[in-house]
Amino acid sequence: MLDTLRHVVTHFAPVDDLLTINEVANRLRCSRETVYRIIRSGELTTVKVGQRQRVRVAALAAYVKSTPEEETL
């Protein structure tokens, strides 16, 4: 059982690496609804934590990098 716990702990992202939908909206300076629309479109991936969605910092950075500067969100 201890080996299983070690496996689980080492394969999950640190909590600091995960953002809430509100945190993503604040970083993008947009509404939560816009963030959910971007997620539904498949442009931004999420991780489920219980019943909640979280966004990896790296996924948000990749999304921003892939978005043209002049594109409207």
C-alpha atoms as a PDB file:
ATOM      1  CA  MET A   1       0.000   0.000   0.000  1.00  0.00           C
ATOM      2  CA  LEU A   2       2.825   2.419   0.789  1.00  0.00           C
ATOM      3  CA  ASP A   3       4.295   1.850  -2.681  1.00  0.00           C
ATOM      4  CA  THR A   4       0.931   2.694  -4.219  1.00  0.00           C
ATOM      5  CA  LEU A   5       0.755   5.943  -2.231  1.00  0.00           C
ATOM      6  CA  ARG A   6       4.273   6.903  -3.301  1.00  0.00           C
ATOM      7  CA  HIS A   7       3.318   6.243  -6.935  1.00  0.00           C
ATOM      8  CA  VAL A   8       0.200   8.396  -6.659  1.00  0.00           C
ATOM      9  CA  VAL A   9       1.976  11.275  -4.909  1.00  0.00           C
ATOM     10  CA  THR A  10       4.895  11.365  -7.341  1.00  0.00           C
ATOM     11  CA  HIS A  11       2.647  11.371 -10.407  1.00  0.00           C
ATOM     12  CA  PHE A  12       0.444  14.292  -9.437  1.00  0.00           C
ATOM     13  CA  ALA A  13       1.265  17.926 -10.035  1.00  0.00           C
ATOM     14  CA  PRO A  14       2.129  20.057  -7.040  1.00  0.00           C
ATOM     15  CA  VAL A  15      -0.809  22.105  -5.790  1.00  0.00           C
ATOM     16  CA  ASP A  16       1.025  25.307  -6.779  1.00  0.00           C
ATOM     17  CA  ASP A  17       1.007  24.048 -10.370  1.00  0.00           C
ATOM     18  CA  LEU A  18      -2.812  24.013 -10.487  1.00  0.00           C
ATOM     19  CA  LEU A  19      -5.014  27.082 -10.903  1.00  0.00           C
ATOM     20  CA  THR A  20      -8.711  27.490 -10.195  1.00  0.00           C
ATOM     21  CA  ILE A  21     -11.021  28.812 -12.893  1.00  0.00           C
ATOM     22  CA  ASN A  22     -11.149  32.141 -11.010  1.00  0.00           C
ATOM     23  CA  GLU A  23      -7.348  32.341 -10.950  1.00  0.00           C
ATOM     24  CA  VAL A  24      -7.207  31.669 -14.696  1.00  0.00           C
ATOM     25  CA  ALA A  25      -9.843  34.338 -15.329  1.00  0.00           C
ATOM     26  CA  ASN A  26      -7.864  36.823 -13.231  1.00  0.00           C
ATOM     27  CA  ARG A  27      -4.626  36.049 -15.081  1.00  0.00           C
ATOM     28  CA  LEU A  28      -6.303  36.385 -18.475  1.00  0.00           C
ATOM     29  CA  ARG A  29      -8.332  39.392 -17.287  1.00  0.00           C
ATOM     30  CA  CYS A  30     -11.544  37.871 -18.542  1.00  0.00           C
ATOM     31  CA  SER A  31     -14.720  36.378 -17.089  1.00  0.00           C
ATOM     32  CA  ARG A  32     -15.145  32.856 -15.759  1.00  0.00           C
ATOM     33  CA  GLU A  33     -17.599  32.250 -18.605  1.00  0.00           C
ATOM     34  CA  THR A  34     -14.874  33.071 -21.127  1.00  0.00           C
ATOM     35  CA  VAL A  35     -12.504  30.622 -19.435  1.00  0.00           C
ATOM     36  CA  TYR A  36     -15.155  27.884 -19.567  1.00  0.00           C
ATOM     37  CA  ARG A  37     -15.741  28.668 -23.267  1.00  0.00           C
ATOM     38  CA  ILE A  38     -12.001  28.295 -23.971  1.00  0.00           C
ATOM     39  CA  ILE A  39     -11.992  24.988 -22.067  1.00  0.00           C
ATOM     40  CA  ARG A  40     -15.065  23.696 -23.951  1.00  0.00           C
ATOM     41  CA  SER A  41     -13.403  24.597 -27.259  1.00  0.00           C
ATOM     42  CA  GLY A  42     -10.484  22.331 -26.358  1.00  0.00           C
ATOM     43  CA  GLU A  43      -7.931  25.148 -26.496  1.00  0.00           C
ATOM     44  CA  LEU A  44      -7.214  24.894 -22.756  1.00  0.00           C
ATOM     45  CA  THR A  45      -6.957  21.572 -20.944  1.00  0.00           C
ATOM     46  CA  THR A  46      -8.010  20.940 -17.366  1.00  0.00           C
ATOM     47  CA  VAL A  47      -7.400  18.418 -14.619  1.00  0.00           C
ATOM     48  CA  LYS A  48     -10.254  17.128 -12.477  1.00  0.00           C
ATOM     49  CA  VAL A  49      -9.734  17.394  -8.729  1.00  0.00           C
ATOM     50  CA  GLY A  50     -12.780  15.745  -7.244  1.00  0.00           C
ATOM     51  CA  GLN A  51     -15.619  17.455  -9.053  1.00  0.00           C
ATOM     52  CA  ARG A  52     -13.662  20.648  -9.688  1.00  0.00           C
ATOM     53  CA  GLN A  53     -11.661  21.623 -12.753  1.00  0.00           C
ATOM     54  CA  ARG A  54      -8.144  22.955 -12.374  1.00  0.00           C
ATOM     55  CA  VAL A  55      -5.767  24.294 -15.013  1.00  0.00           C
ATOM     56  CA  ARG A  56      -2.069  23.528 -14.983  1.00  0.00           C
ATOM     57  CA  VAL A  57       0.143  26.623 -15.119  1.00  0.00           C
ATOM     58  CA  ALA A  58       1.991  25.050 -18.063  1.00  0.00           C
ATOM     59  CA  ALA A  59      -1.305  24.509 -19.948  1.00  0.00           C
ATOM     60  CA  LEU A  60      -2.263  28.149 -19.436  1.00  0.00           C
ATOM     61  CA  ALA A  61       1.172  29.305 -20.607  1.00  0.00           C
ATOM     62  CA  ALA A  62       0.894  27.100 -23.714  1.00  0.00           C
ATOM     63  CA  TYR A  63      -2.562  28.497 -24.458  1.00  0.00           C
ATOM     64  CA  VAL A  64      -1.376  32.098 -24.142  1.00  0.00           C
ATOM     65  CA  LYS A  65       1.678  31.378 -26.286  1.00  0.00           C
ATOM     66  CA  SER A  66      -0.482  29.807 -29.011  1.00  0.00           C
ATOM     67  CA  THR A  67      -2.923  32.713 -29.089  1.00  0.00           C
ATOM     68  CA  PRO A  68      -2.100  35.545 -31.492  1.00  0.00           C
ATOM     69  CA  GLU A  69      -1.613  38.858 -29.657  1.00  0.00           C
ATOM     70  CA  GLU A  70      -4.457  40.544 -31.500  1.00  0.00           C
ATOM     71  CA  GLU A  71      -7.000  37.739 -31.136  1.00  0.00           C
ATOM     72  CA  THR A  72     -10.098  38.523 -29.099  1.00  0.00           C
ATOM     73  CA  LEU A  73     -10.841  35.963 -26.416  1.00  0.00           C
END
